[in-house]
PDB file of N, CA and C in Angstrom:
ATOM      1  N   MET A   1     -11.902  17.113  -4.860  1.00  0.00           N
ATOM      2  CA  MET A   1     -12.622  15.851  -4.801  1.00  0.00           C
ATOM      3  C   MET A   1     -12.372  15.034  -6.068  1.00  0.00           C
ATOM      4  N   VAL A   2     -12.398  15.712  -7.208  1.00  0.00           N
ATOM      5  CA  VAL A   2     -12.163  15.012  -8.468  1.00  0.00           C
ATOM      6  C   VAL A   2     -10.735  14.485  -8.522  1.00  0.00           C
ATOM      7  N   GLU A   3      -9.782  15.291  -8.048  1.00  0.00           N
ATOM      8  CA  GLU A   3      -8.388  14.853  -8.069  1.00  0.00           C
ATOM      9  C   GLU A   3      -8.177  13.633  -7.189  1.00  0.00           C
ATOM     10  N   ALA A   4      -8.859  13.585  -6.055  1.00  0.00           N
ATOM     11  CA  ALA A   4      -8.729  12.429  -5.165  1.00  0.00           C
ATOM     12  C   ALA A   4      -9.286  11.176  -5.821  1.00  0.00           C
ATOM     13  N   MET A   5     -10.415  11.299  -6.504  1.00  0.00           N
ATOM     14  CA  MET A   5     -10.993  10.135  -7.176  1.00  0.00           C
ATOM     15  C   MET A   5     -10.110   9.673  -8.332  1.00  0.00           C
ATOM     16  N   VAL A   6      -9.521  10.620  -9.062  1.00  0.00           N
ATOM     17  CA  VAL A   6      -8.613  10.252 -10.151  1.00  0.00           C
ATOM     18  C   VAL A   6      -7.403   9.518  -9.594  1.00  0.00           C
ATOM     19  N   ALA A   7      -6.862  10.005  -8.482  1.00  0.00           N
ATOM     20  CA  ALA A   7      -5.708   9.347  -7.870  1.00  0.00           C
ATOM     21  C   ALA A   7      -6.072   7.947  -7.393  1.00  0.00           C
ATOM     22  N   MET A   8      -7.275   7.787  -6.832  1.00  0.00           N
ATOM     23  CA  MET A   8      -7.696   6.459  -6.375  1.00  0.00           C
ATOM     24  C   MET A   8      -7.866   5.496  -7.544  1.00  0.00           C
ATOM     25  N   VAL A   9      -8.434   5.976  -8.652  1.00  0.00           N
ATOM     26  CA  VAL A   9      -8.618   5.112  -9.825  1.00  0.00           C
ATOM     27  C   VAL A   9      -7.270   4.723 -10.413  1.00  0.00           C
ATOM     28  N   LEU A  10      -6.334   5.673 -10.497  1.00  0.00           N
ATOM     29  CA  LEU A  10      -5.012   5.356 -11.035  1.00  0.00           C
ATOM     30  C   LEU A  10      -4.270   4.364 -10.147  1.00  0.00           C
ATOM     31  N   ALA A  11      -4.351   4.543  -8.837  1.00  0.00           N
ATOM     32  CA  ALA A  11      -3.699   3.602  -7.925  1.00  0.00           C
ATOM     33  C   ALA A  11      -4.340   2.226  -8.023  1.00  0.00           C
ATOM     34  N   ASP A  12      -5.665   2.176  -8.152  1.00  0.00           N
ATOM     35  CA  ASP A  12      -6.359   0.901  -8.278  1.00  0.00           C
ATOM     36  C   ASP A  12      -5.960   0.187  -9.562  1.00  0.00           C
ATOM     37  N   GLN A  13      -5.889   0.922 -10.668  1.00  0.00           N
ATOM     38  CA  GLN A  13      -5.515   0.308 -11.935  1.00  0.00           C
ATOM     39  C   GLN A  13      -4.066  -0.172 -11.917  1.00  0.00           C
ATOM     40  N   LEU A  14      -3.177   0.589 -11.279  1.00  0.00           N
ATOM     41  CA  LEU A  14      -1.777   0.175 -11.203  1.00  0.00           C
ATOM     42  C   LEU A  14      -1.625  -1.078 -10.356  1.00  0.00           C
ATOM     43  N   MET A  15      -2.360  -1.153  -9.229  1.00  0.00           N
ATOM     44  CA  MET A  15      -2.287  -2.353  -8.393  1.00  0.00           C
ATOM     45  C   MET A  15      -2.877  -3.559  -9.111  1.00  0.00           C
ATOM     46  N   ALA A  16      -3.977  -3.370  -9.851  1.00  0.00           N
ATOM     47  CA  ALA A  16      -4.575  -4.475 -10.601  1.00  0.00           C
ATOM     48  C   ALA A  16      -3.632  -4.938 -11.703  1.00  0.00           C
ATOM     49  N   GLN A  17      -2.996  -3.996 -12.386  1.00  0.00           N
ATOM     50  CA  GLN A  17      -2.059  -4.346 -13.448  1.00  0.00           C
ATOM     51  C   GLN A  17      -0.856  -5.088 -12.891  1.00  0.00           C
ATOM     52  N   HIS A  18      -0.365  -4.654 -11.740  1.00  0.00           N
ATOM     53  CA  HIS A  18       0.785  -5.318 -11.129  1.00  0.00           C
ATOM     54  C   HIS A  18       0.414  -6.725 -10.672  1.00  0.00           C
ATOM     55  N   GLY A  19      -0.794  -6.886 -10.156  1.00  0.00           N
ATOM     56  CA  GLY A  19      -1.222  -8.200  -9.699  1.00  0.00           C
ATOM     57  C   GLY A  19      -1.490  -9.162 -10.838  1.00  0.00           C
ATOM     58  N   GLN A  20      -1.860  -8.654 -12.003  1.00  0.00           N
ATOM     59  CA  GLN A  20      -2.229  -9.532 -13.112  1.00  0.00           C
ATOM     60  C   GLN A  20      -1.040  -9.909 -13.981  1.00  0.00           C
ATOM     61  N   CYS A  21      -0.244  -8.943 -14.399  1.00  0.00           N
ATOM     62  CA  CYS A  21       0.815  -9.290 -15.358  1.00  0.00           C
ATOM     63  C   CYS A  21       2.178  -8.719 -15.003  1.00  0.00           C
ATOM     64  N   ASN A  22       2.265  -7.861 -13.982  1.00  0.00           N
ATOM     65  CA  ASN A  22       3.549  -7.329 -13.509  1.00  0.00           C
ATOM     66  C   ASN A  22       4.359  -6.736 -14.658  1.00  0.00           C
ATOM     67  N   LEU A  23       3.706  -5.864 -15.448  1.00  0.00           N
ATOM     68  CA  LEU A  23       4.362  -5.281 -16.607  1.00  0.00           C
ATOM     69  C   LEU A  23       5.429  -4.271 -16.204  1.00  0.00           C
ATOM     70  N   PHE A  24       5.110  -3.434 -15.205  1.00  0.00           N
ATOM     71  CA  PHE A  24       6.065  -2.434 -14.748  1.00  0.00           C
ATOM     72  C   PHE A  24       6.758  -2.941 -13.491  1.00  0.00           C
ATOM     73  N   PRO A  25       8.075  -3.181 -13.528  1.00  0.00           N
ATOM     74  CA  PRO A  25       8.755  -3.649 -12.312  1.00  0.00           C
ATOM     75  C   PRO A  25       8.803  -2.550 -11.253  1.00  0.00           C
ATOM     76  N   ILE A  26       8.762  -2.946 -10.000  1.00  0.00           N
ATOM     77  CA  ILE A  26       8.818  -1.991  -8.897  1.00  0.00           C
ATOM     78  C   ILE A  26      10.271  -1.623  -8.630  1.00  0.00           C
ATOM     79  N   ASN A  27      10.539  -0.330  -8.546  1.00  0.00           N
ATOM     80  CA  ASN A  27      11.878   0.156  -8.254  1.00  0.00           C
ATOM     81  C   ASN A  27      12.077   0.111  -6.740  1.00  0.00           C
ATOM     82  N   PRO A  28      12.967  -0.756  -6.230  1.00  0.00           N
ATOM     83  CA  PRO A  28      13.124  -0.862  -4.770  1.00  0.00           C
ATOM     84  C   PRO A  28      13.686   0.399  -4.124  1.00  0.00           C
ATOM     85  N   GLU A  29      14.362   1.255  -4.895  1.00  0.00           N
ATOM     86  CA  GLU A  29      14.906   2.485  -4.314  1.00  0.00           C
ATOM     87  C   GLU A  29      13.810   3.481  -3.961  1.00  0.00           C
ATOM     88  N   LEU A  30      12.645   3.348  -4.596  1.00  0.00           N
ATOM     89  CA  LEU A  30      11.551   4.279  -4.342  1.00  0.00           C
ATOM     90  C   LEU A  30      10.579   3.767  -3.295  1.00  0.00           C
ATOM     91  N   GLN A  31      10.790   2.562  -2.798  1.00  0.00           N
ATOM     92  CA  GLN A  31       9.864   1.979  -1.836  1.00  0.00           C
ATOM     93  C   GLN A  31      10.307   2.293  -0.416  1.00  0.00           C
ATOM     94  N   GLU A  32       9.331   2.497   0.456  1.00  0.00           N
ATOM     95  CA  GLU A  32       9.621   2.721   1.864  1.00  0.00           C
ATOM     96  C   GLU A  32       9.517   1.389   2.602  1.00  0.00           C
ATOM     97  N   PRO A  33      10.431   1.120   3.518  1.00  0.00           N
ATOM     98  CA  PRO A  33      10.342  -0.149   4.257  1.00  0.00           C
ATOM     99  C   PRO A  33       9.136  -0.163   5.183  1.00  0.00           C
ATOM    100  N   LEU A  34       8.526  -1.320   5.307  1.00  0.00           N
ATOM    101  CA  LEU A  34       7.390  -1.480   6.217  1.00  0.00           C
ATOM    102  C   LEU A  34       7.931  -1.867   7.583  1.00  0.00           C
ATOM    103  N   SER A  35       8.139  -0.896   8.426  1.00  0.00           N
ATOM    104  CA  SER A  35       8.623  -1.168   9.779  1.00  0.00           C
ATOM    105  C   SER A  35       7.677  -0.490  10.756  1.00  0.00           C
ATOM    106  N   PHE A  36       6.748  -1.267  11.253  1.00  0.00           N
ATOM    107  CA  PHE A  36       5.782  -0.750  12.210  1.00  0.00           C
ATOM    108  C   PHE A  36       6.230  -1.123  13.611  1.00  0.00           C
ATOM    109  N   SER A  37       6.118  -0.200  14.525  1.00  0.00           N
ATOM    110  CA  SER A  37       6.406  -0.512  15.925  1.00  0.00           C
ATOM    111  C   SER A  37       5.073  -0.542  16.662  1.00  0.00           C
ATOM    112  N   PHE A  38       4.546  -1.740  16.816  1.00  0.00           N
ATOM    113  CA  PHE A  38       3.264  -1.889  17.475  1.00  0.00           C
ATOM    114  C   PHE A  38       3.438  -1.737  18.981  1.00  0.00           C
ATOM    115  N   PRO A  39       2.507  -1.066  19.635  1.00  0.00           N
ATOM    116  CA  PRO A  39       2.615  -0.915  21.097  1.00  0.00           C
ATOM    117  C   PRO A  39       2.346  -2.243  21.793  1.00  0.00           C
ATOM    118  N   ASN A  40       2.965  -2.409  22.940  1.00  0.00           N
ATOM    119  CA  ASN A  40       2.746  -3.620  23.731  1.00  0.00           C
ATOM    120  C   ASN A  40       1.529  -3.413  24.619  1.00  0.00           C
ATOM    121  N   PHE A  41       0.458  -4.119  24.301  1.00  0.00           N
ATOM    122  CA  PHE A  41      -0.756  -4.036  25.101  1.00  0.00           C
ATOM    123  C   PHE A  41      -0.758  -5.154  26.125  1.00  0.00           C
ATOM    124  N   GLU A  42      -1.146  -4.823  27.330  1.00  0.00           N
ATOM    125  CA  GLU A  42      -1.274  -5.835  28.369  1.00  0.00           C
ATOM    126  C   GLU A  42      -2.572  -6.607  28.155  1.00  0.00           C
ATOM    127  N   PRO A  43      -2.581  -7.903  28.410  1.00  0.00           N
ATOM    128  CA  PRO A  43      -3.825  -8.666  28.248  1.00  0.00           C
ATOM    129  C   PRO A  43      -4.875  -8.212  29.255  1.00  0.00           C
ATOM    130  N   ALA A  44      -6.112  -8.212  28.814  1.00  0.00           N
ATOM    131  CA  ALA A  44      -7.216  -7.776  29.671  1.00  0.00           C
ATOM    132  C   ALA A  44      -7.566  -8.876  30.663  1.00  0.00           C
ATOM    133  N   ASN A  45      -7.697  -8.511  31.911  1.00  0.00           N
ATOM    134  CA  ASN A  45      -8.103  -9.468  32.949  1.00  0.00           C
ATOM    135  C   ASN A  45      -9.597  -9.303  33.192  1.00  0.00           C
ATOM    136  N   ILE A  46     -10.361 -10.185  32.573  1.00  0.00           N
ATOM    137  CA  ILE A  46     -11.822 -10.090  32.707  1.00  0.00           C
ATOM    138  C   ILE A  46     -12.315 -11.228  33.578  1.00  0.00           C
TER     139      ILE A  46
END
């Protein structure tokens, strides 16, 4: 439980730091592409 909270705080601080001053550049080789395949839902006939 403590490790999860520490990880959440570190991720929160890194995202806040990136949003404020972008001190650490993001390495594109370490990023995963965002490719979601959303299912095709039929419209509801109400």
